[in-house]
Protein backbone atom coordinates (compact mmCIF):
# COMPACT_ATOMS: atom_id res chain seq x y z
CA UNK A 1 0.00 0.00 0.00
CA UNK A 2 2.81 2.38 0.88
CA UNK A 3 4.39 1.77 -2.53
CA UNK A 4 1.06 2.47 -4.21
CA UNK A 5 0.65 5.77 -2.33
CA UNK A 6 4.19 6.84 -3.20
CA UNK A 7 3.57 6.02 -6.86
CA UNK A 8 0.35 8.03 -6.82
CA UNK A 9 2.05 11.02 -5.20
CA UNK A 10 4.79 10.89 -7.81
CA UNK A 11 2.11 10.89 -10.50
CA UNK A 12 0.42 14.05 -9.19
CA UNK A 13 2.97 16.60 -10.50
CA UNK A 14 2.78 15.05 -13.97
CA UNK A 15 -1.02 15.16 -13.83
CA UNK A 16 -0.98 18.80 -12.73
CA UNK A 17 1.45 19.61 -15.51
CA UNK A 18 -0.79 18.00 -18.13
CA UNK A 19 -3.83 19.90 -16.85
CA UNK A 20 -1.93 23.17 -16.91
CA UNK A 21 -0.81 22.46 -20.47
CA UNK A 22 -4.38 21.63 -21.55
CA UNK A 23 -5.78 24.81 -20.01
CA UNK A 24 -3.09 26.89 -21.68
CA UNK A 25 -4.15 25.38 -25.01
CA UNK A 26 -7.80 26.18 -24.30
CA UNK A 27 -6.92 29.77 -23.39
CA UNK A 28 -4.67 30.14 -26.44
CA UNK A 29 -7.50 29.05 -28.74
CA UNK A 30 -9.90 31.54 -27.15
CA UNK A 31 -7.34 34.34 -27.37
CA UNK A 32 -6.73 33.56 -31.03
CA UNK A 33 -10.44 33.47 -31.81
CA UNK A 34 -11.40 36.55 -29.78
CA UNK A 35 -11.93 38.72 -32.92
CA UNK A 36 -14.25 36.09 -34.43
CA UNK A 37 -16.33 35.74 -31.26
CA UNK A 38 -16.41 39.49 -30.79
CA UNK A 39 -17.85 39.75 -34.29
CA UNK A 40 -20.56 37.20 -33.46
CA UNK A 41 -21.48 39.07 -30.28
CA UNK A 42 -21.66 42.36 -32.16
CA UNK A 43 -23.95 40.83 -34.79
CA UNK A 44 -26.34 39.57 -32.12
CA UNK A 45 -26.12 42.97 -30.43
CA UNK A 46 -27.22 44.51 -33.74
CA UNK A 47 -30.05 42.02 -34.24
CA UNK A 48 -31.48 42.96 -30.79
CA UNK A 49 -34.26 40.39 -30.97
CA UNK A 50 -36.70 40.11 -28.06
CA UNK A 51 -37.90 36.92 -26.41
CA UNK A 52 -39.06 34.09 -28.70
CA UNK A 53 -38.29 36.25 -31.73
CA UNK A 54 -34.52 35.61 -31.74
CA UNK A 55 -34.48 33.94 -35.15
CA UNK A 56 -31.24 35.48 -36.48
CA UNK A 57 -29.42 35.26 -33.15
CA UNK A 58 -30.31 31.62 -32.61
CA UNK A 59 -29.47 30.70 -36.21
CA UNK A 60 -26.03 32.36 -35.96
CA UNK A 61 -25.11 30.46 -32.80
CA UNK A 62 -26.43 27.20 -34.23
CA UNK A 63 -24.46 27.55 -37.46
CA UNK A 64 -21.31 28.41 -35.50
CA UNK A 65 -21.65 25.20 -33.50
CA UNK A 66 -22.53 23.08 -36.53
CA UNK A 67 -19.41 24.26 -38.32
CA UNK A 68 -17.40 23.02 -35.34
CA UNK A 69 -18.86 19.53 -35.49
CA UNK A 70 -21.70 19.81 -32.99
CA UNK A 71 -24.97 18.01 -33.63
CA UNK A 72 -27.76 20.57 -33.33
CA UNK A 73 -31.42 19.93 -32.55
CA UNK A 74 -33.50 23.06 -33.12
CA UNK A 75 -37.04 23.96 -32.13
CA UNK A 76 -36.94 22.00 -28.89
CA UNK A 77 -39.60 22.15 -26.14
CA UNK A 78 -42.06 23.72 -28.57
CA UNK A 79 -39.89 26.82 -29.01
CA UNK A 80 -38.69 27.65 -32.54
CA UNK A 81 -35.64 29.61 -31.38
CA UNK A 82 -34.46 27.09 -28.75
CA UNK A 83 -31.82 24.47 -29.50
CA UNK A 84 -29.50 21.87 -28.03
CA UNK A 85 -26.04 21.33 -29.55
CA UNK A 86 -23.95 18.31 -28.52
CA UNK A 87 -20.48 16.98 -29.13
CA UNK A 88 -19.11 13.68 -27.88
CA UNK A 89 -20.94 10.76 -26.33
CA UNK A 90 -21.73 9.20 -23.00
CA UNK A 91 -21.11 10.48 -19.50
CA UNK A 92 -20.32 12.86 -18.03
CA UNK A 93 -22.57 15.39 -19.75
CA UNK A 94 -21.54 18.98 -19.05
CA UNK A 95 -24.10 21.55 -20.13
CA UNK A 96 -23.46 25.23 -20.82
CA UNK A 97 -26.38 27.66 -21.01
CA UNK A 98 -26.56 30.31 -23.75
CA UNK A 99 -28.97 33.26 -23.80
CA UNK A 100 -29.50 35.77 -26.59
CA UNK A 101 -32.74 37.75 -26.11
CA UNK A 102 -32.81 41.56 -25.96
CA UNK A 103 -35.03 43.93 -23.99
CA UNK A 104 -37.78 46.08 -25.53
CA UNK A 105 -37.38 49.85 -25.61
CA UNK A 106 -33.62 49.97 -25.01
CA UNK A 107 -32.27 50.66 -28.49
CA UNK A 108 -28.92 52.41 -28.13
CA UNK A 109 -25.77 53.06 -30.14
CA UNK A 110 -22.45 51.76 -28.80
CA UNK A 111 -21.48 55.22 -27.61
CA UNK A 112 -21.34 56.85 -24.15
CA UNK A 113 -24.28 59.18 -24.70
CA UNK A 114 -27.93 58.24 -24.95
CA UNK A 115 -28.97 57.87 -28.57
CA UNK A 116 -31.30 55.23 -29.98
CA UNK A 117 -30.51 53.32 -33.15
CA UNK A 118 -34.26 52.96 -33.64
CA UNK A 119 -36.74 54.85 -31.47
CA UNK A 120 -38.70 52.34 -29.41
CA UNK A 121 -36.51 49.48 -30.62
CA UNK A 122 -34.94 46.76 -28.52
CA UNK A 123 -31.43 46.62 -27.07
CA UNK A 124 -29.16 44.26 -25.18
CA UNK A 125 -29.44 45.95 -21.78
CA UNK A 126 -28.62 42.66 -20.06
CA UNK A 127 -25.75 41.71 -22.36
CA UNK A 128 -27.24 38.48 -23.65
CA UNK A 129 -25.43 38.99 -26.94
CA UNK A 130 -22.26 38.42 -24.91
CA UNK A 131 -23.83 35.63 -22.84
CA UNK A 132 -24.71 33.41 -25.78
CA UNK A 133 -21.46 34.02 -27.60
CA UNK A 134 -19.18 33.28 -24.62
CA UNK A 135 -21.06 30.06 -23.90
CA UNK A 136 -20.63 28.87 -27.47
CA UNK A 137 -16.95 29.85 -27.43
CA UNK A 138 -16.37 27.94 -24.19
CA UNK A 139 -18.09 24.83 -25.53
CA UNK A 140 -16.11 24.85 -28.77
CA UNK A 141 -12.80 25.18 -26.90
CA UNK A 142 -13.74 22.19 -24.72
CA UNK A 143 -14.79 20.27 -27.84
CA UNK A 144 -11.33 20.85 -29.26
CA UNK A 145 -9.77 19.33 -26.15
CA UNK A 146 -12.13 16.32 -26.23
CA UNK A 147 -11.35 15.74 -29.89
CA UNK A 148 -7.59 16.13 -29.57
CA UNK A 149 -7.38 13.79 -26.56
CA UNK A 150 -10.12 11.29 -27.45
CA UNK A 151 -11.86 12.39 -24.28
CA UNK A 152 -14.91 10.62 -22.93
CA UNK A 153 -18.13 12.45 -22.28
CA UNK A 154 -20.41 15.04 -23.87
CA UNK A 155 -20.24 18.82 -24.03
CA UNK A 156 -23.65 20.33 -24.63
CA UNK A 157 -24.87 23.87 -25.33
CA UNK A 158 -28.45 24.78 -24.48
CA UNK A 159 -29.74 27.64 -26.64
CA UNK A 160 -32.16 29.35 -24.27
CA UNK A 161 -34.56 32.02 -25.61
CA UNK A 162 -36.69 34.50 -23.70
CA UNK A 163 -34.92 34.61 -20.35
CA UNK A 164 -36.34 38.11 -19.88
CA UNK A 165 -39.76 37.18 -18.55
CA UNK A 166 -40.51 34.38 -20.99
CA UNK A 167 -39.10 31.54 -18.86
CA UNK A 168 -37.67 29.68 -21.85
CA UNK A 169 -35.58 27.27 -19.77
CA UNK A 170 -38.61 26.25 -17.72
CA UNK A 171 -40.12 24.50 -20.73
CA UNK A 172 -36.82 22.68 -21.31
CA UNK A 173 -36.71 21.54 -17.69
CA UNK A 174 -40.36 20.52 -17.85
CA UNK A 175 -39.59 18.38 -20.92
CA UNK A 176 -36.78 16.58 -19.05
CA UNK A 177 -33.98 17.94 -21.21
CA UNK A 178 -31.57 18.20 -18.28
CA UNK A 179 -32.30 14.78 -16.80
CA UNK A 180 -29.05 13.19 -18.04
CA UNK A 181 -26.82 16.21 -17.36
CA UNK A 182 -24.03 15.87 -14.79
CA UNK A 183 -23.52 19.62 -14.25
CA UNK A 184 -24.58 22.92 -15.83
CA UNK A 185 -22.44 26.03 -16.14
CA UNK A 186 -23.56 29.55 -16.95
CA UNK A 187 -22.51 33.15 -16.54
CA UNK A 188 -24.00 36.61 -16.76
CA UNK A 189 -22.68 40.00 -17.81
CA UNK A 190 -22.21 42.30 -14.83
CA UNK A 191 -20.26 45.14 -13.23
CA UNK A 192 -17.58 42.98 -11.61
CA UNK A 193 -15.91 39.57 -11.70
CA UNK A 194 -17.32 37.13 -9.14
CA UNK A 195 -18.47 33.57 -8.53
CA UNK A 196 -20.58 34.66 -5.56
CA UNK A 197 -23.81 32.68 -5.11
CA UNK A 198 -26.71 35.12 -5.33
CA UNK A 199 -30.22 34.30 -4.04
CA UNK A 200 -32.12 34.86 -7.26
CA UNK A 201 -35.78 35.36 -6.57
CA UNK A 202 -38.69 33.15 -7.43
CA UNK A 203 -40.96 34.96 -9.85
CA UNK A 204 -44.41 34.63 -11.36
CA UNK A 205 -45.81 36.99 -13.96
CA UNK A 206 -48.96 37.39 -16.02
CA UNK A 207 -50.96 39.74 -18.19
CA UNK A 208 -54.31 40.72 -16.64
CA UNK A 209 -56.88 41.65 -19.26
CA UNK A 210 -60.04 43.61 -18.55
CA UNK A 211 -63.02 43.81 -20.89
CA UNK A 212 -65.60 46.57 -20.65
CA UNK A 213 -68.14 48.31 -22.86
CA UNK A 214 -67.19 51.14 -25.22
CA UNK A 215 -69.25 54.34 -25.22
CA UNK A 216 -68.93 58.05 -25.92
CA UNK A 217 -67.04 59.38 -22.92
CA UNK A 218 -69.00 62.67 -22.93
CA UNK A 219 -72.27 61.91 -24.73
CA UNK A 220 -73.20 58.62 -23.06
CA UNK A 221 -70.71 57.62 -20.35
CA UNK A 222 -73.48 55.87 -18.41
CA UNK A 223 -73.71 53.30 -21.18
CA UNK A 224 -70.01 52.41 -20.92
CA UNK A 225 -67.95 50.28 -18.56
CA UNK A 226 -64.27 51.19 -18.56
CA UNK A 227 -61.74 48.38 -18.82
CA UNK A 228 -59.11 50.94 -17.83
CA UNK A 229 -61.03 51.55 -14.60
CA UNK A 230 -60.65 47.85 -13.92
CA UNK A 231 -56.89 48.04 -14.42
CA UNK A 232 -56.54 51.15 -12.28
CA UNK A 233 -58.71 49.68 -9.52
CA UNK A 234 -56.53 46.57 -9.49
CA UNK A 235 -53.36 48.65 -9.37
CA UNK A 236 -54.70 50.72 -6.49
CA UNK A 237 -55.61 47.66 -4.43
CA UNK A 238 -52.28 45.96 -5.12
CA UNK A 239 -50.38 49.09 -4.11
CA UNK A 240 -52.27 49.13 -0.79
CA UNK A 241 -51.49 45.43 -0.38
CA UNK A 242 -47.74 46.14 -0.39
CA UNK A 243 -47.94 47.18 3.29
CA UNK A 244 -49.25 43.77 4.27
CA UNK A 245 -46.92 41.29 2.55
CA UNK A 246 -43.45 39.97 3.51
CA UNK A 247 -40.96 42.79 3.13
CA UNK A 248 -38.67 40.90 0.72
CA UNK A 249 -41.52 40.73 -1.81
CA UNK A 250 -41.21 42.67 -5.05
CA UNK A 251 -44.31 43.58 -7.08
CA UNK A 252 -44.04 45.59 -10.28
CA UNK A 253 -46.32 46.24 -13.21
CA UNK A 254 -46.78 48.17 -16.42
CA UNK A 255 -50.02 49.08 -18.17
CA UNK A 256 -49.52 47.67 -21.66
CA UNK A 257 -52.87 48.81 -23.03
CA UNK A 258 -55.01 51.60 -21.64
CA UNK A 259 -57.33 52.56 -24.47
CA UNK A 260 -57.08 54.42 -27.76
CA UNK A 261 -58.76 57.80 -27.32
CA UNK A 262 -59.80 59.87 -24.27
CA UNK A 263 -63.30 60.40 -25.64
CA UNK A 264 -63.96 56.65 -25.94
CA UNK A 265 -64.61 54.56 -22.83
CA UNK A 266 -61.97 51.82 -23.18
CA UNK A 267 -63.47 48.42 -23.94
CA UNK A 268 -60.14 46.70 -23.38
CA UNK A 269 -57.19 47.31 -21.08
CA UNK A 270 -54.23 45.19 -20.00
CA UNK A 271 -51.69 45.30 -17.18
CA UNK A 272 -48.57 43.12 -16.92
CA UNK A 273 -47.59 42.06 -13.35
CA UNK A 274 -44.53 40.46 -11.72
CA UNK A 275 -44.37 39.04 -8.19
CA UNK A 276 -40.98 38.03 -6.73
CA UNK A 277 -39.70 36.65 -3.42
CA UNK A 278 -36.81 34.42 -2.25
CA UNK A 279 -39.34 31.73 -1.26
CA UNK A 280 -41.49 30.10 -3.94
CA UNK A 281 -44.36 29.51 -1.52
CA UNK A 282 -44.55 33.20 -0.65
CA UNK A 283 -44.78 34.01 -4.37
CA UNK A 284 -47.68 31.58 -4.68
CA UNK A 285 -49.44 33.08 -1.64
CA UNK A 286 -49.03 36.69 -2.76
CA UNK A 287 -50.05 35.70 -6.28
CA UNK A 288 -53.34 34.31 -5.00
CA UNK A 289 -54.05 37.68 -3.35
CA UNK A 290 -53.09 39.50 -6.56
CA UNK A 291 -55.67 37.46 -8.48
CA UNK A 292 -58.32 38.26 -5.84
CA UNK A 293 -57.54 41.97 -6.28
CA UNK A 294 -58.05 41.62 -10.03
CA UNK A 295 -61.35 39.80 -9.51
CA UNK A 296 -62.51 42.48 -7.09
CA UNK A 297 -61.52 45.23 -9.51
CA UNK A 298 -63.58 43.65 -12.26
CA UNK A 299 -66.57 43.21 -9.95
CA UNK A 300 -66.39 46.79 -8.72
CA UNK A 301 -66.12 48.32 -12.20
CA UNK A 302 -68.65 46.15 -13.98
CA UNK A 303 -66.00 44.65 -16.25
CA UNK A 304 -64.80 41.15 -17.03
CA UNK A 305 -61.26 39.92 -16.32
CA UNK A 306 -59.05 37.03 -17.28
CA UNK A 307 -55.30 36.57 -17.03
CA UNK A 308 -52.57 34.66 -18.84
CA UNK A 309 -49.54 33.43 -16.91
CA UNK A 310 -46.54 34.34 -19.07
CA UNK A 311 -43.69 33.10 -16.93
CA UNK A 312 -42.77 31.64 -13.60
CA UNK A 313 -39.43 30.56 -12.16
CA UNK A 314 -38.02 29.00 -9.01
CA UNK A 315 -35.57 30.64 -6.64
CA UNK A 316 -31.91 29.77 -7.25
CA UNK A 317 -30.61 26.60 -5.59
CA UNK A 318 -26.91 27.05 -4.74
CA UNK A 319 -24.26 24.44 -5.44
CA UNK A 320 -21.21 25.38 -3.44
CA UNK A 321 -19.19 22.45 -4.79
CA UNK A 322 -19.37 23.70 -8.37
CA UNK A 323 -19.21 27.38 -7.43
CA UNK A 324 -15.89 26.94 -5.64
CA UNK A 325 -14.43 25.26 -8.73
CA UNK A 326 -15.67 28.15 -10.87
CA UNK A 327 -14.23 30.65 -8.40
CA UNK A 328 -10.84 28.95 -8.57
CA UNK A 329 -10.86 29.05 -12.35
CA UNK A 330 -12.03 32.66 -12.47
CA UNK A 331 -9.02 33.58 -10.33
CA UNK A 332 -6.77 31.58 -12.63
CA UNK A 333 -8.13 33.44 -15.67
CA UNK A 334 -8.05 36.85 -13.98
CA UNK A 335 -9.73 40.08 -14.98
CA UNK A 336 -8.64 42.73 -17.47
CA UNK A 337 -7.71 46.40 -17.67
CA UNK A 338 -9.01 49.21 -19.83
CA UNK A 339 -7.14 50.79 -22.69
CA UNK A 340 -6.99 54.59 -22.58
CA UNK A 341 -9.89 54.76 -25.06
CA UNK A 342 -11.96 52.31 -23.01
CA UNK A 343 -11.25 54.26 -19.82
CA UNK A 344 -12.45 57.45 -21.48
CA UNK A 345 -15.59 55.63 -22.68
CA UNK A 346 -16.22 54.33 -19.15
CA UNK A 347 -15.71 57.77 -17.56
CA UNK A 348 -18.28 59.28 -19.91
CA UNK A 349 -20.74 56.49 -19.08
CA UNK A 350 -20.21 57.04 -15.35
CA UNK A 351 -20.85 60.77 -15.74
CA UNK A 352 -24.40 59.96 -16.94
CA UNK A 353 -25.34 57.91 -13.88
CA UNK A 354 -27.77 59.25 -11.27
CA UNK A 355 -25.49 58.63 -8.29
CA UNK A 356 -21.87 59.50 -9.01
CA UNK A 357 -20.77 59.90 -5.37
CA UNK A 358 -19.45 56.36 -4.77
CA UNK A 359 -18.39 54.95 -8.11
CA UNK A 360 -15.92 52.04 -8.27
CA UNK A 361 -12.36 52.75 -9.34
CA UNK A 362 -12.08 52.14 -13.07
CA UNK A 363 -8.42 51.12 -12.79
CA UNK A 364 -9.14 48.21 -10.44
CA UNK A 365 -12.80 47.18 -10.84
CA UNK A 366 -12.39 45.10 -13.98
CA UNK A 367 -9.02 43.65 -12.95
CA UNK A 368 -10.20 42.47 -9.52
CA UNK A 369 -11.83 39.14 -8.70
CA UNK A 370 -14.33 39.70 -5.90
CA UNK A 371 -14.22 37.54 -2.75
CA UNK A 372 -16.22 34.34 -2.99
CA UNK A 373 -19.40 34.45 -0.89
CA UNK A 374 -21.35 31.21 -0.68
CA UNK A 375 -24.47 32.58 1.00
CA UNK A 376 -25.07 36.16 -0.09
CA UNK A 377 -28.43 37.51 1.08
CA UNK A 378 -28.87 40.59 -1.10
CA UNK A 379 -32.10 40.10 -3.03
CA UNK A 380 -31.63 40.72 -6.73
CA UNK A 381 -33.48 39.69 -9.89
CA UNK A 382 -34.90 36.45 -11.17
CA UNK A 383 -33.82 34.00 -13.86
CA UNK A 384 -35.09 30.77 -15.36
CA UNK A 385 -31.60 29.39 -14.70
CA UNK A 386 -33.03 28.78 -11.24
CA UNK A 387 -35.31 26.00 -12.50
CA UNK A 388 -32.28 24.27 -14.01
CA UNK A 389 -30.51 24.53 -10.64
CA UNK A 390 -33.25 22.45 -8.99
CA UNK A 391 -32.84 19.48 -11.33
CA UNK A 392 -29.08 19.33 -11.95
CA UNK A 393 -26.02 20.80 -10.17
CA UNK A 394 -25.61 24.35 -11.49
CA UNK A 395 -23.13 27.18 -10.98
CA UNK A 396 -22.27 30.47 -12.64
CA UNK A 397 -20.22 33.64 -12.53
CA UNK A 398 -20.50 37.29 -13.46
CA UNK A 399 -17.81 39.21 -15.31
CA UNK A 400 -17.22 42.93 -15.75
CA UNK A 401 -18.78 43.56 -19.13
CA UNK A 402 -20.56 46.76 -18.06
CA UNK A 403 -19.11 50.01 -16.77
CA UNK A 404 -18.82 49.72 -12.96
CA UNK A 405 -21.70 51.54 -11.27
CA UNK A 406 -24.12 51.14 -14.17
CA UNK A 407 -27.66 49.95 -13.61
CA UNK A 408 -28.99 46.76 -15.12
CA UNK A 409 -31.40 47.06 -18.07
CA UNK A 410 -30.12 50.53 -18.96
CA UNK A 411 -28.97 52.27 -22.13
CA UNK A 412 -25.53 52.49 -20.54
CA UNK A 413 -25.39 48.69 -20.45
CA UNK A 414 -26.50 48.42 -24.06
CA UNK A 415 -23.66 50.73 -25.08
CA UNK A 416 -21.11 48.71 -23.11
CA UNK A 417 -22.43 45.38 -24.42
CA UNK A 418 -21.68 46.57 -27.94
CA UNK A 419 -18.20 47.82 -27.09
CA UNK A 420 -14.75 46.30 -26.62
CA UNK A 421 -15.29 46.47 -22.85
CA UNK A 422 -18.13 43.98 -23.17
CA UNK A 423 -16.05 41.75 -25.42
CA UNK A 424 -13.19 41.61 -22.92
CA UNK A 425 -15.49 40.55 -20.09
CA UNK A 426 -17.11 38.02 -22.41
CA UNK A 427 -13.81 36.25 -23.02
CA UNK A 428 -13.05 36.13 -19.30
CA UNK A 429 -16.34 34.26 -18.92
CA UNK A 430 -15.61 31.94 -21.86
CA UNK A 431 -12.24 30.93 -20.42
CA UNK A 432 -13.64 30.40 -16.92
CA UNK A 433 -16.47 28.17 -18.13
CA UNK A 434 -14.13 26.22 -20.40
CA UNK A 435 -11.60 25.66 -17.59
CA UNK A 436 -14.40 24.57 -15.25
CA UNK A 437 -15.87 22.16 -17.79
CA UNK A 438 -12.38 20.73 -18.32
CA UNK A 439 -11.97 20.21 -14.57
CA UNK A 440 -15.32 18.45 -14.31
CA UNK A 441 -14.54 16.10 -17.18
CA UNK A 442 -11.39 15.14 -15.27
CA UNK A 443 -12.85 14.97 -11.75
CA UNK A 444 -15.67 12.43 -11.29
CA UNK A 445 -15.53 12.93 -7.52
CA UNK A 446 -16.44 16.62 -7.88
CA UNK A 447 -19.48 15.65 -9.95
CA UNK A 448 -20.53 13.07 -7.38
CA UNK A 449 -20.14 15.60 -4.56
CA UNK A 450 -22.12 18.23 -6.48
CA UNK A 451 -24.90 15.73 -7.11
CA UNK A 452 -25.03 14.78 -3.44
CA UNK A 453 -25.24 18.46 -2.50
CA UNK A 454 -28.12 18.94 -4.93
CA UNK A 455 -30.03 16.03 -3.42
CA UNK A 456 -29.53 17.39 0.09
CA UNK A 457 -30.72 20.87 -0.84
CA UNK A 458 -33.73 19.52 -2.78
CA UNK A 459 -34.98 17.60 0.23
CA UNK A 460 -36.36 14.05 0.25
CA UNK A 461 -39.81 14.88 -1.12
CA UNK A 462 -38.87 17.25 -3.96
CA UNK A 463 -40.69 16.85 -7.23
CA UNK A 464 -40.29 19.42 -9.97
CA UNK A 465 -43.47 21.25 -10.96
CA UNK A 466 -43.22 24.33 -13.13
CA UNK A 467 -44.45 27.58 -11.59
CA UNK A 468 -46.16 28.41 -14.88
CA UNK A 469 -48.11 25.14 -14.90
CA UNK A 470 -48.77 23.18 -18.07
CA UNK A 471 -49.21 26.09 -20.44
CA UNK A 472 -47.50 26.04 -23.84
CA UNK A 473 -44.61 28.49 -24.38
CA UNK A 474 -45.87 32.08 -24.51
CA UNK A 475 -44.34 32.69 -27.94
CA UNK A 476 -46.22 35.97 -28.50
CA UNK A 477 -45.56 37.63 -25.13
CA UNK A 478 -43.29 40.28 -26.68
CA UNK A 479 -45.42 40.88 -29.76
CA UNK A 480 -47.24 44.17 -29.89
């Protein structure tokens, strides 16, 4: 036994040397191909396609993967712009998530002053043009390693539409498309570089539609019943309800249709609501009260109401095992620094922000890797990645693709996502995911540990049931 242990210890330096050599080759490929991937990201940035309408963006990523030898299945889970691309065979299966939908109303040139490319058009205010591209780049670099070394296992890219409120991944999870996956990796554009585990919120959203009776608003208002009154009555009651719900709850809405002319009593009106909370059960409870408010509003205004659930996602389930591996690789990759032109761009962006009193230092923010925090309690947004995290071990990072201090879903972020700053952060993410996938292919114990952690966090009686129920994908939720 002693001789066996000594032999194993002697083997470790050689193993570490081989892994270091392999990662250097992965990084060298990504460095060499940075201009090509930057071009792909910029094309998707220009397409700026909203949820379930990402035809060009999805097609570009699919063709890129096909050219690299991946087998692509398109139109999965009843979603035309969703796809799964695979290379290799057998276990382990390492999945990488790719997003590519834009946000409505955020059209913006890649310049540090607000100026729309198309008034009212969409823009990548969440950097999903970078997200999808980095994920594809990471998968291709890992494919190269598998091919060159006759590696065992499968690298898989999930093309995920409509993350912004459309819950695209939920339909994939519901269809069992992650059932054979050993681990899932993802990332998101951000203001800094970190593998911190954030408590993404559970979320349910729907469009509430009120139907009234049209009439002349001056000549015969008594003969009308205003659908807009129904919407406004609902909004008023929900706003009063805020005082009497758990304080971590977030409720937000927008009136998407309020009528066509002031002198016509609106026969139709629509309001789009979100409810969020760290606990899925609280979301369900508050949602039930929201529906009661809508029913009461319709009763009180003499209108009729129905609602369509558009999306619904779980809260994020952490996997510390995978997150620590990603953190280690993010530190190995490191951040980046601005050129003089990029620093000038960033300073101009920062000058447009509302609060300029405590802005991060531009010379250190993008170069620094933030401390790893496994249980961060700051409530932030929601993502359908969370549903994936409940069915397979999942971990992700953020990288500094936006100007530090910028707000999410802003024109400033659109500008950065179309700039060289965004591209630099994108390649940090690609390398980190590729290194992590490489480690997982070579470390079965880590995958077993991550799986055990998932089972423990799920609890013994967990059974996945989508928050949005059995509805078909809401393919028209962004159509006007």
